[in-house]
PDB file of N, CA and C in Angstrom:
ATOM      1  N   MET A   1     -29.552   4.616  -7.248  1.00  0.00           N
ATOM      2  CA  MET A   1     -30.580   5.529  -6.806  1.00  0.00           C
ATOM      3  C   MET A   1     -30.548   6.776  -7.675  1.00  0.00           C
ATOM      4  N   GLU A   2     -31.590   7.022  -8.401  1.00  0.00           N
ATOM      5  CA  GLU A   2     -31.700   8.170  -9.298  1.00  0.00           C
ATOM      6  C   GLU A   2     -31.946   9.440  -8.503  1.00  0.00           C
ATOM      7  N   LYS A   3     -31.204  10.494  -8.814  1.00  0.00           N
ATOM      8  CA  LYS A   3     -31.373  11.769  -8.140  1.00  0.00           C
ATOM      9  C   LYS A   3     -32.099  12.725  -9.079  1.00  0.00           C
ATOM     10  N   THR A   4     -32.997  13.518  -8.524  1.00  0.00           N
ATOM     11  CA  THR A   4     -33.741  14.495  -9.301  1.00  0.00           C
ATOM     12  C   THR A   4     -32.809  15.631  -9.707  1.00  0.00           C
ATOM     13  N   LEU A   5     -32.905  16.039 -10.951  1.00  0.00           N
ATOM     14  CA  LEU A   5     -32.080  17.128 -11.459  1.00  0.00           C
ATOM     15  C   LEU A   5     -32.927  18.386 -11.598  1.00  0.00           C
ATOM     16  N   LYS A   6     -32.300  19.542 -11.443  1.00  0.00           N
ATOM     17  CA  LYS A   6     -32.944  20.845 -11.620  1.00  0.00           C
ATOM     18  C   LYS A   6     -32.241  21.577 -12.752  1.00  0.00           C
ATOM     19  N   ARG A   7     -32.988  22.240 -13.577  1.00  0.00           N
ATOM     20  CA  ARG A   7     -32.427  23.030 -14.678  1.00  0.00           C
ATOM     21  C   ARG A   7     -32.115  24.426 -14.168  1.00  0.00           C
ATOM     22  N   ILE A   8     -30.923  24.942 -14.530  1.00  0.00           N
ATOM     23  CA  ILE A   8     -30.537  26.300 -14.177  1.00  0.00           C
ATOM     24  C   ILE A   8     -30.010  27.001 -15.422  1.00  0.00           C
ATOM     25  N   SER A   9     -29.920  28.303 -15.342  1.00  0.00           N
ATOM     26  CA  SER A   9     -29.316  29.088 -16.405  1.00  0.00           C
ATOM     27  C   SER A   9     -27.925  29.485 -15.941  1.00  0.00           C
ATOM     28  N   LEU A  10     -26.961  29.422 -16.840  1.00  0.00           N
ATOM     29  CA  LEU A  10     -25.579  29.692 -16.465  1.00  0.00           C
ATOM     30  C   LEU A  10     -24.932  30.551 -17.537  1.00  0.00           C
ATOM     31  N   MET A  11     -24.226  31.567 -17.105  1.00  0.00           N
ATOM     32  CA  MET A  11     -23.512  32.430 -18.043  1.00  0.00           C
ATOM     33  C   MET A  11     -22.027  32.105 -17.969  1.00  0.00           C
ATOM     34  N   ILE A  12     -21.426  31.835 -19.131  1.00  0.00           N
ATOM     35  CA  ILE A  12     -19.983  31.620 -19.199  1.00  0.00           C
ATOM     36  C   ILE A  12     -19.427  32.468 -20.326  1.00  0.00           C
ATOM     37  N   ARG A  13     -18.122  32.665 -20.282  1.00  0.00           N
ATOM     38  CA  ARG A  13     -17.493  33.436 -21.350  1.00  0.00           C
ATOM     39  C   ARG A  13     -17.478  32.632 -22.648  1.00  0.00           C
ATOM     40  N   GLU A  14     -17.373  33.341 -23.750  1.00  0.00           N
ATOM     41  CA  GLU A  14     -17.358  32.685 -25.055  1.00  0.00           C
ATOM     42  C   GLU A  14     -16.153  31.760 -25.208  1.00  0.00           C
ATOM     43  N   ASP A  15     -14.985  32.183 -24.699  1.00  0.00           N
ATOM     44  CA  ASP A  15     -13.796  31.334 -24.807  1.00  0.00           C
ATOM     45  C   ASP A  15     -13.967  30.042 -24.004  1.00  0.00           C
ATOM     46  N   GLN A  16     -14.670  30.130 -22.869  1.00  0.00           N
ATOM     47  CA  GLN A  16     -14.940  28.926 -22.082  1.00  0.00           C
ATOM     48  C   GLN A  16     -15.884  27.997 -22.842  1.00  0.00           C
ATOM     49  N   TYR A  17     -16.904  28.573 -23.447  1.00  0.00           N
ATOM     50  CA  TYR A  17     -17.850  27.781 -24.236  1.00  0.00           C
ATOM     51  C   TYR A  17     -17.129  27.088 -25.387  1.00  0.00           C
ATOM     52  N   ASP A  18     -16.263  27.847 -26.075  1.00  0.00           N
ATOM     53  CA  ASP A  18     -15.513  27.275 -27.199  1.00  0.00           C
ATOM     54  C   ASP A  18     -14.637  26.114 -26.740  1.00  0.00           C
ATOM     55  N   ARG A  19     -13.993  26.264 -25.605  1.00  0.00           N
ATOM     56  CA  ARG A  19     -13.111  25.211 -25.096  1.00  0.00           C
ATOM     57  C   ARG A  19     -13.911  23.977 -24.700  1.00  0.00           C
ATOM     58  N   LEU A  20     -15.048  24.179 -24.025  1.00  0.00           N
ATOM     59  CA  LEU A  20     -15.902  23.054 -23.647  1.00  0.00           C
ATOM     60  C   LEU A  20     -16.379  22.299 -24.879  1.00  0.00           C
ATOM     61  N   THR A  21     -16.783  23.033 -25.878  1.00  0.00           N
ATOM     62  CA  THR A  21     -17.267  22.424 -27.117  1.00  0.00           C
ATOM     63  C   THR A  21     -16.141  21.662 -27.815  1.00  0.00           C
ATOM     64  N   LYS A  22     -14.977  22.299 -27.906  1.00  0.00           N
ATOM     65  CA  LYS A  22     -13.822  21.672 -28.563  1.00  0.00           C
ATOM     66  C   LYS A  22     -13.427  20.378 -27.856  1.00  0.00           C
ATOM     67  N   ASP A  23     -13.457  20.384 -26.511  1.00  0.00           N
ATOM     68  CA  ASP A  23     -13.037  19.219 -25.739  1.00  0.00           C
ATOM     69  C   ASP A  23     -14.146  18.196 -25.545  1.00  0.00           C
ATOM     70  N   GLY A  24     -15.363  18.507 -25.992  1.00  0.00           N
ATOM     71  CA  GLY A  24     -16.470  17.566 -25.864  1.00  0.00           C
ATOM     72  C   GLY A  24     -16.937  17.356 -24.435  1.00  0.00           C
ATOM     73  N   VAL A  25     -16.843  18.403 -23.620  1.00  0.00           N
ATOM     74  CA  VAL A  25     -17.212  18.300 -22.207  1.00  0.00           C
ATOM     75  C   VAL A  25     -18.695  18.619 -22.031  1.00  0.00           C
ATOM     76  N   ASN A  26     -19.374  17.764 -21.284  1.00  0.00           N
ATOM     77  CA  ASN A  26     -20.766  17.994 -20.917  1.00  0.00           C
ATOM     78  C   ASN A  26     -20.749  18.918 -19.709  1.00  0.00           C
ATOM     79  N   LEU A  27     -21.152  20.171 -19.878  1.00  0.00           N
ATOM     80  CA  LEU A  27     -21.053  21.166 -18.820  1.00  0.00           C
ATOM     81  C   LEU A  27     -21.899  20.812 -17.604  1.00  0.00           C
ATOM     82  N   SER A  28     -23.067  20.277 -17.810  1.00  0.00           N
ATOM     83  CA  SER A  28     -23.925  19.900 -16.678  1.00  0.00           C
ATOM     84  C   SER A  28     -23.241  18.856 -15.797  1.00  0.00           C
ATOM     85  N   GLY A  29     -22.684  17.847 -16.423  1.00  0.00           N
ATOM     86  CA  GLY A  29     -21.994  16.807 -15.678  1.00  0.00           C
ATOM     87  C   GLY A  29     -20.778  17.343 -14.956  1.00  0.00           C
ATOM     88  N   LEU A  30     -20.030  18.218 -15.622  1.00  0.00           N
ATOM     89  CA  LEU A  30     -18.843  18.805 -15.019  1.00  0.00           C
ATOM     90  C   LEU A  30     -19.211  19.631 -13.788  1.00  0.00           C
ATOM     91  N   ILE A  31     -20.238  20.447 -13.907  1.00  0.00           N
ATOM     92  CA  ILE A  31     -20.658  21.285 -12.774  1.00  0.00           C
ATOM     93  C   ILE A  31     -21.159  20.425 -11.621  1.00  0.00           C
ATOM     94  N   ARG A  32     -21.926  19.379 -11.914  1.00  0.00           N
ATOM     95  CA  ARG A  32     -22.385  18.486 -10.832  1.00  0.00           C
ATOM     96  C   ARG A  32     -21.192  17.874 -10.102  1.00  0.00           C
ATOM     97  N   ASP A  33     -20.189  17.429 -10.848  1.00  0.00           N
ATOM     98  CA  ASP A  33     -19.005  16.835 -10.236  1.00  0.00           C
ATOM     99  C   ASP A  33     -18.249  17.862  -9.398  1.00  0.00           C
ATOM    100  N   LEU A  34     -18.093  19.070  -9.924  1.00  0.00           N
ATOM    101  CA  LEU A  34     -17.392  20.113  -9.177  1.00  0.00           C
ATOM    102  C   LEU A  34     -18.151  20.500  -7.911  1.00  0.00           C
ATOM    103  N   LEU A  35     -19.468  20.553  -7.983  1.00  0.00           N
ATOM    104  CA  LEU A  35     -20.270  20.855  -6.796  1.00  0.00           C
ATOM    105  C   LEU A  35     -20.148  19.750  -5.755  1.00  0.00           C
ATOM    106  N   ASP A  36     -20.155  18.499  -6.198  1.00  0.00           N
ATOM    107  CA  ASP A  36     -19.953  17.390  -5.254  1.00  0.00           C
ATOM    108  C   ASP A  36     -18.595  17.514  -4.566  1.00  0.00           C
ATOM    109  N   ASP A  37     -17.567  17.875  -5.337  1.00  0.00           N
ATOM    110  CA  ASP A  37     -16.237  18.062  -4.756  1.00  0.00           C
ATOM    111  C   ASP A  37     -16.236  19.226  -3.770  1.00  0.00           C
ATOM    112  N   TYR A  38     -16.877  20.309  -4.143  1.00  0.00           N
ATOM    113  CA  TYR A  38     -16.897  21.513  -3.318  1.00  0.00           C
ATOM    114  C   TYR A  38     -17.596  21.266  -1.984  1.00  0.00           C
ATOM    115  N   PHE A  39     -18.716  20.558  -2.024  1.00  0.00           N
ATOM    116  CA  PHE A  39     -19.501  20.328  -0.816  1.00  0.00           C
ATOM    117  C   PHE A  39     -19.111  19.051  -0.063  1.00  0.00           C
ATOM    118  N   GLY A  40     -18.255  18.242  -0.635  1.00  0.00           N
ATOM    119  CA  GLY A  40     -17.859  16.988  -0.006  1.00  0.00           C
ATOM    120  C   GLY A  40     -17.041  17.208   1.258  1.00  0.00           C
ATOM    121  N   GLU A  41     -17.214  16.330   2.216  1.00  0.00           N
ATOM    122  CA  GLU A  41     -16.481  16.434   3.470  1.00  0.00           C
ATOM    123  C   GLU A  41     -15.047  15.930   3.330  1.00  0.00           C
ATOM    124  N   HIS A  42     -14.845  14.937   2.500  1.00  0.00           N
ATOM    125  CA  HIS A  42     -13.527  14.334   2.341  1.00  0.00           C
ATOM    126  C   HIS A  42     -13.128  14.455   0.877  1.00  0.00           C
ATOM    127  N   ARG A  43     -11.970  15.043   0.639  1.00  0.00           N
ATOM    128  CA  ARG A  43     -11.522  15.258  -0.730  1.00  0.00           C
ATOM    129  C   ARG A  43     -10.112  14.724  -0.920  1.00  0.00           C
ATOM    130  N   VAL A  44      -9.853  14.351  -2.129  1.00  0.00           N
ATOM    131  CA  VAL A  44      -8.496  14.044  -2.564  1.00  0.00           C
ATOM    132  C   VAL A  44      -8.282  14.871  -3.822  1.00  0.00           C
ATOM    133  N   THR A  45      -7.219  15.645  -3.830  1.00  0.00           N
ATOM    134  CA  THR A  45      -6.904  16.462  -4.994  1.00  0.00           C
ATOM    135  C   THR A  45      -5.638  15.919  -5.627  1.00  0.00           C
ATOM    136  N   LEU A  46      -5.720  15.622  -6.890  1.00  0.00           N
ATOM    137  CA  LEU A  46      -4.564  15.101  -7.616  1.00  0.00           C
ATOM    138  C   LEU A  46      -4.175  16.076  -8.711  1.00  0.00           C
ATOM    139  N   ASN A  47      -2.902  16.348  -8.832  1.00  0.00           N
ATOM    140  CA  ASN A  47      -2.406  17.097  -9.972  1.00  0.00           C
ATOM    141  C   ASN A  47      -2.048  16.088 -11.052  1.00  0.00           C
ATOM    142  N   VAL A  48      -2.621  16.261 -12.218  1.00  0.00           N
ATOM    143  CA  VAL A  48      -2.401  15.334 -13.315  1.00  0.00           C
ATOM    144  C   VAL A  48      -1.978  16.111 -14.556  1.00  0.00           C
ATOM    145  N   ASN A  49      -1.482  15.371 -15.550  1.00  0.00           N
ATOM    146  CA  ASN A  49      -1.095  16.040 -16.784  1.00  0.00           C
ATOM    147  C   ASN A  49      -2.355  16.420 -17.572  1.00  0.00           C
ATOM    148  N   PRO A  50      -2.231  17.313 -18.534  1.00  0.00           N
ATOM    149  CA  PRO A  50      -3.398  17.789 -19.284  1.00  0.00           C
ATOM    150  C   PRO A  50      -4.198  16.670 -19.966  1.00  0.00           C
ATOM    151  N   GLU A  51      -3.512  15.657 -20.471  1.00  0.00           N
ATOM    152  CA  GLU A  51      -4.200  14.554 -21.155  1.00  0.00           C
ATOM    153  C   GLU A  51      -5.094  13.775 -20.187  1.00  0.00           C
ATOM    154  N   THR A  52      -4.570  13.493 -18.991  1.00  0.00           N
ATOM    155  CA  THR A  52      -5.357  12.776 -17.985  1.00  0.00           C
ATOM    156  C   THR A  52      -6.532  13.634 -17.522  1.00  0.00           C
ATOM    157  N   HIS A  53      -6.292  14.910 -17.345  1.00  0.00           N
ATOM    158  CA  HIS A  53      -7.365  15.825 -16.925  1.00  0.00           C
ATOM    159  C   HIS A  53      -8.485  15.852 -17.965  1.00  0.00           C
ATOM    160  N   LYS A  54      -8.114  15.938 -19.224  1.00  0.00           N
ATOM    161  CA  LYS A  54      -9.115  15.957 -20.294  1.00  0.00           C
ATOM    162  C   LYS A  54      -9.904  14.650 -20.316  1.00  0.00           C
ATOM    163  N   LEU A  55      -9.204  13.530 -20.182  1.00  0.00           N
ATOM    164  CA  LEU A  55      -9.852  12.225 -20.166  1.00  0.00           C
ATOM    165  C   LEU A  55     -10.834  12.127 -18.999  1.00  0.00           C
ATOM    166  N   TYR A  56     -10.397  12.545 -17.822  1.00  0.00           N
ATOM    167  CA  TYR A  56     -11.261  12.535 -16.636  1.00  0.00           C
ATOM    168  C   TYR A  56     -12.517  13.382 -16.882  1.00  0.00           C
ATOM    169  N   ALA A  57     -12.331  14.605 -17.368  1.00  0.00           N
ATOM    170  CA  ALA A  57     -13.464  15.503 -17.597  1.00  0.00           C
ATOM    171  C   ALA A  57     -14.435  14.916 -18.613  1.00  0.00           C
ATOM    172  N   GLN A  58     -13.924  14.342 -19.681  1.00  0.00           N
ATOM    173  CA  GLN A  58     -14.788  13.750 -20.700  1.00  0.00           C
ATOM    174  C   GLN A  58     -15.590  12.583 -20.139  1.00  0.00           C
ATOM    175  N   ILE A  59     -14.931  11.709 -19.422  1.00  0.00           N
ATOM    176  CA  ILE A  59     -15.611  10.520 -18.904  1.00  0.00           C
ATOM    177  C   ILE A  59     -16.639  10.898 -17.852  1.00  0.00           C
ATOM    178  N   VAL A  60     -16.233  11.722 -16.885  1.00  0.00           N
ATOM    179  CA  VAL A  60     -17.146  12.086 -15.801  1.00  0.00           C
ATOM    180  C   VAL A  60     -18.320  12.912 -16.318  1.00  0.00           C
ATOM    181  N   SER A  61     -18.042  13.885 -17.145  1.00  0.00           N
ATOM    182  CA  SER A  61     -19.127  14.754 -17.588  1.00  0.00           C
ATOM    183  C   SER A  61     -20.081  14.067 -18.549  1.00  0.00           C
ATOM    184  N   ASN A  62     -19.580  13.148 -19.341  1.00  0.00           N
ATOM    185  CA  ASN A  62     -20.439  12.504 -20.332  1.00  0.00           C
ATOM    186  C   ASN A  62     -21.123  11.231 -19.852  1.00  0.00           C
ATOM    187  N   THR A  63     -20.636  10.674 -18.752  1.00  0.00           N
ATOM    188  CA  THR A  63     -21.276   9.466 -18.229  1.00  0.00           C
ATOM    189  C   THR A  63     -22.116   9.751 -16.997  1.00  0.00           C
ATOM    190  N   GLY A  64     -21.976  10.958 -16.457  1.00  0.00           N
ATOM    191  CA  GLY A  64     -22.698  11.285 -15.242  1.00  0.00           C
ATOM    192  C   GLY A  64     -22.155  10.552 -14.033  1.00  0.00           C
ATOM    193  N   SER A  65     -20.936  10.048 -14.141  1.00  0.00           N
ATOM    194  CA  SER A  65     -20.325   9.316 -13.034  1.00  0.00           C
ATOM    195  C   SER A  65     -20.045  10.256 -11.867  1.00  0.00           C
ATOM    196  N   ALA A  66     -20.271   9.749 -10.684  1.00  0.00           N
ATOM    197  CA  ALA A  66     -19.996  10.519  -9.472  1.00  0.00           C
ATOM    198  C   ALA A  66     -18.773   9.936  -8.783  1.00  0.00           C
ATOM    199  N   ASP A  67     -18.245  10.689  -7.826  1.00  0.00           N
ATOM    200  CA  ASP A  67     -17.039  10.253  -7.133  1.00  0.00           C
ATOM    201  C   ASP A  67     -17.209   8.896  -6.463  1.00  0.00           C
ATOM    202  N   ASP A  68     -18.404   8.615  -5.951  1.00  0.00           N
ATOM    203  CA  ASP A  68     -18.599   7.322  -5.284  1.00  0.00           C
ATOM    204  C   ASP A  68     -18.492   6.161  -6.263  1.00  0.00           C
ATOM    205  N   GLU A  69     -18.712   6.424  -7.552  1.00  0.00           N
ATOM    206  CA  GLU A  69     -18.522   5.380  -8.564  1.00  0.00           C
ATOM    207  C   GLU A  69     -17.049   5.228  -8.944  1.00  0.00           C
ATOM    208  N   ILE A  70     -16.291   6.298  -8.815  1.00  0.00           N
ATOM    209  CA  ILE A  70     -14.874   6.294  -9.169  1.00  0.00           C
ATOM    210  C   ILE A  70     -14.025   5.737  -8.031  1.00  0.00           C
ATOM    211  N   GLU A  71     -14.476   5.917  -6.806  1.00  0.00           N
ATOM    212  CA  GLU A  71     -13.680   5.548  -5.632  1.00  0.00           C
ATOM    213  C   GLU A  71     -13.166   4.115  -5.642  1.00  0.00           C
ATOM    214  N   PRO A  72     -13.966   3.099  -5.996  1.00  0.00           N
ATOM    215  CA  PRO A  72     -13.409   1.732  -6.011  1.00  0.00           C
ATOM    216  C   PRO A  72     -12.223   1.586  -6.967  1.00  0.00           C
ATOM    217  N   TYR A  73     -12.261   2.304  -8.080  1.00  0.00           N
ATOM    218  CA  TYR A  73     -11.152   2.247  -9.035  1.00  0.00           C
ATOM    219  C   TYR A  73      -9.925   2.949  -8.462  1.00  0.00           C
ATOM    220  N   LEU A  74     -10.139   4.031  -7.735  1.00  0.00           N
ATOM    221  CA  LEU A  74      -9.033   4.727  -7.091  1.00  0.00           C
ATOM    222  C   LEU A  74      -8.408   3.836  -6.022  1.00  0.00           C
ATOM    223  N   ARG A  75      -9.235   3.157  -5.251  1.00  0.00           N
ATOM    224  CA  ARG A  75      -8.723   2.253  -4.222  1.00  0.00           C
ATOM    225  C   ARG A  75      -7.900   1.129  -4.854  1.00  0.00           C
ATOM    226  N   ALA A  76      -8.368   0.585  -5.960  1.00  0.00           N
ATOM    227  CA  ALA A  76      -7.626  -0.474  -6.659  1.00  0.00           C
ATOM    228  C   ALA A  76      -6.285   0.060  -7.175  1.00  0.00           C
ATOM    229  N   ALA A  77      -6.291   1.289  -7.693  1.00  0.00           N
ATOM    230  CA  ALA A  77      -5.046   1.888  -8.182  1.00  0.00           C
ATOM    231  C   ALA A  77      -4.079   2.123  -7.026  1.00  0.00           C
ATOM    232  N   LEU A  78      -4.589   2.565  -5.886  1.00  0.00           N
ATOM    233  CA  LEU A  78      -3.729   2.771  -4.717  1.00  0.00           C
ATOM    234  C   LEU A  78      -3.143   1.454  -4.219  1.00  0.00           C
ATOM    235  N   GLN A  79      -3.952   0.409  -4.249  1.00  0.00           N
ATOM    236  CA  GLN A  79      -3.455  -0.909  -3.826  1.00  0.00           C
ATOM    237  C   GLN A  79      -2.351  -1.384  -4.778  1.00  0.00           C
ATOM    238  N   ALA A  80      -2.553  -1.193  -6.079  1.00  0.00           N
ATOM    239  CA  ALA A  80      -1.538  -1.588  -7.056  1.00  0.00           C
ATOM    240  C   ALA A  80      -0.255  -0.788  -6.853  1.00  0.00           C
ATOM    241  N   LEU A  81      -0.384   0.500  -6.585  1.00  0.00           N
ATOM    242  CA  LEU A  81       0.782   1.339  -6.326  1.00  0.00           C
ATOM    243  C   LEU A  81       1.524   0.859  -5.082  1.00  0.00           C
ATOM    244  N   LEU A  82       0.779   0.568  -4.021  1.00  0.00           N
ATOM    245  CA  LEU A  82       1.401   0.087  -2.793  1.00  0.00           C
ATOM    246  C   LEU A  82       2.150  -1.223  -3.023  1.00  0.00           C
ATOM    247  N   ARG A  83       1.536  -2.149  -3.732  1.00  0.00           N
ATOM    248  CA  ARG A  83       2.204  -3.426  -4.024  1.00  0.00           C
ATOM    249  C   ARG A  83       3.490  -3.207  -4.811  1.00  0.00           C
ATOM    250  N   GLU A  84       3.444  -2.285  -5.778  1.00  0.00           N
ATOM    251  CA  GLU A  84       4.630  -1.986  -6.577  1.00  0.00           C
ATOM    252  C   GLU A  84       5.737  -1.397  -5.706  1.00  0.00           C
ATOM    253  N   LYS A  85       5.375  -0.480  -4.825  1.00  0.00           N
ATOM    254  CA  LYS A  85       6.371   0.142  -3.947  1.00  0.00           C
ATOM    255  C   LYS A  85       6.953  -0.874  -2.966  1.00  0.00           C
ATOM    256  N   ILE A  86       6.120  -1.762  -2.443  1.00  0.00           N
ATOM    257  CA  ILE A  86       6.611  -2.817  -1.547  1.00  0.00           C
ATOM    258  C   ILE A  86       7.619  -3.698  -2.276  1.00  0.00           C
ATOM    259  N   ALA A  87       7.306  -4.086  -3.514  1.00  0.00           N
ATOM    260  CA  ALA A  87       8.222  -4.925  -4.301  1.00  0.00           C
ATOM    261  C   ALA A  87       9.546  -4.189  -4.543  1.00  0.00           C
ATOM    262  N   GLU A  88       9.475  -2.886  -4.836  1.00  0.00           N
ATOM    263  CA  GLU A  88      10.693  -2.100  -5.050  1.00  0.00           C
ATOM    264  C   GLU A  88      11.530  -2.045  -3.775  1.00  0.00           C
ATOM    265  N   LEU A  89      10.872  -1.852  -2.641  1.00  0.00           N
ATOM    266  CA  LEU A  89      11.599  -1.787  -1.368  1.00  0.00           C
ATOM    267  C   LEU A  89      12.201  -3.134  -0.992  1.00  0.00           C
ATOM    268  N   GLN A  90      11.484  -4.215  -1.265  1.00  0.00           N
ATOM    269  CA  GLN A  90      12.035  -5.548  -0.997  1.00  0.00           C
ATOM    270  C   GLN A  90      13.254  -5.803  -1.874  1.00  0.00           C
ATOM    271  N   LYS A  91      13.197  -5.380  -3.112  1.00  0.00           N
ATOM    272  CA  LYS A  91      14.332  -5.539  -4.017  1.00  0.00           C
ATOM    273  C   LYS A  91      15.520  -4.704  -3.522  1.00  0.00           C
ATOM    274  N   LEU A  92      15.240  -3.483  -3.068  1.00  0.00           N
ATOM    275  CA  LEU A  92      16.288  -2.631  -2.521  1.00  0.00           C
ATOM    276  C   LEU A  92      16.920  -3.270  -1.286  1.00  0.00           C
ATOM    277  N   GLU A  93      16.081  -3.825  -0.416  1.00  0.00           N
ATOM    278  CA  GLU A  93      16.593  -4.466   0.791  1.00  0.00           C
ATOM    279  C   GLU A  93      17.513  -5.630   0.441  1.00  0.00           C
ATOM    280  N   LYS A  94      17.111  -6.455  -0.512  1.00  0.00           N
ATOM    281  CA  LYS A  94      17.933  -7.608  -0.896  1.00  0.00           C
ATOM    282  C   LYS A  94      19.270  -7.163  -1.476  1.00  0.00           C
ATOM    283  N   SER A  95      19.253  -6.134  -2.308  1.00  0.00           N
ATOM    284  CA  SER A  95      20.501  -5.693  -2.933  1.00  0.00           C
ATOM    285  C   SER A  95      21.373  -4.898  -1.963  1.00  0.00           C
ATOM    286  N   ALA A  96      20.767  -4.224  -1.010  1.00  0.00           N
ATOM    287  CA  ALA A  96      21.535  -3.406  -0.073  1.00  0.00           C
ATOM    288  C   ALA A  96      22.209  -4.239   1.000  1.00  0.00           C
ATOM    289  N   PHE A  97      21.643  -5.376   1.329  1.00  0.00           N
ATOM    290  CA  PHE A  97      22.167  -6.177   2.425  1.00  0.00           C
ATOM    291  C   PHE A  97      22.606  -7.558   1.958  1.00  0.00           C
ATOM    292  N   VAL A  98      23.229  -7.603   0.800  1.00  0.00           N
ATOM    293  CA  VAL A  98      23.769  -8.851   0.270  1.00  0.00           C
ATOM    294  C   VAL A  98      24.932  -9.265   1.151  1.00  0.00           C
ATOM    295  N   LYS A  99      24.944 -10.520   1.533  1.00  0.00           N
ATOM    296  CA  LYS A  99      26.047 -11.023   2.355  1.00  0.00           C
ATOM    297  C   LYS A  99      27.303 -11.043   1.508  1.00  0.00           C
ATOM    298  N   THR A 100      28.363 -10.556   2.095  1.00  0.00           N
ATOM    299  CA  THR A 100      29.642 -10.576   1.385  1.00  0.00           C
ATOM    300  C   THR A 100      30.438 -11.792   1.829  1.00  0.00           C
ATOM    301  N   SER A 101      31.297 -12.259   0.962  1.00  0.00           N
ATOM    302  CA  SER A 101      32.134 -13.416   1.304  1.00  0.00           C
ATOM    303  C   SER A 101      33.396 -12.966   2.011  1.00  0.00           C
ATOM    304  N   ARG A 102      33.589 -11.661   2.172  1.00  0.00           N
ATOM    305  CA  ARG A 102      34.754 -11.116   2.834  1.00  0.00           C
ATOM    306  C   ARG A 102      34.719 -11.413   4.316  1.00  0.00           C
ATOM    307  N   LYS A 103      35.830 -11.831   4.827  1.00  0.00           N
ATOM    308  CA  LYS A 103      35.926 -12.116   6.248  1.00  0.00           C
ATOM    309  C   LYS A 103      36.342 -10.838   6.967  1.00  0.00           C
ATOM    310  N   ASP A 104      35.713 -10.601   8.104  1.00  0.00           N
ATOM    311  CA  ASP A 104      36.078  -9.438   8.898  1.00  0.00           C
ATOM    312  C   ASP A 104      37.409  -9.695   9.579  1.00  0.00           C
ATOM    313  N   ASP A 105      38.209  -8.660   9.732  1.00  0.00           N
ATOM    314  CA  ASP A 105      39.521  -8.796  10.366  1.00  0.00           C
ATOM    315  C   ASP A 105      39.433  -8.873  11.838  1.00  0.00           C
TER     316      ASP A 105
END
């Protein structure tokens, strides 16, 4: 579903403009994403390293992707993380409760 866009004028500092240009960030896309986050009822905030943050900003701002398009990928990543943690816990359980051949006195 295509959403109608409105043009606005925005003032930013020169250093901000330089950084956006250097990083290849589409400012319109970035602002739309930030506004969706700001007005959204349900949010998830992740702290990420600078490289991941830059990658996220480039992809979202330049593709016009919205959070609802990203959510299925986040859900898949969470499922993969859960499966990995379950496997780690099962491995811990097996190693922690290994039957010993020692006879109790």
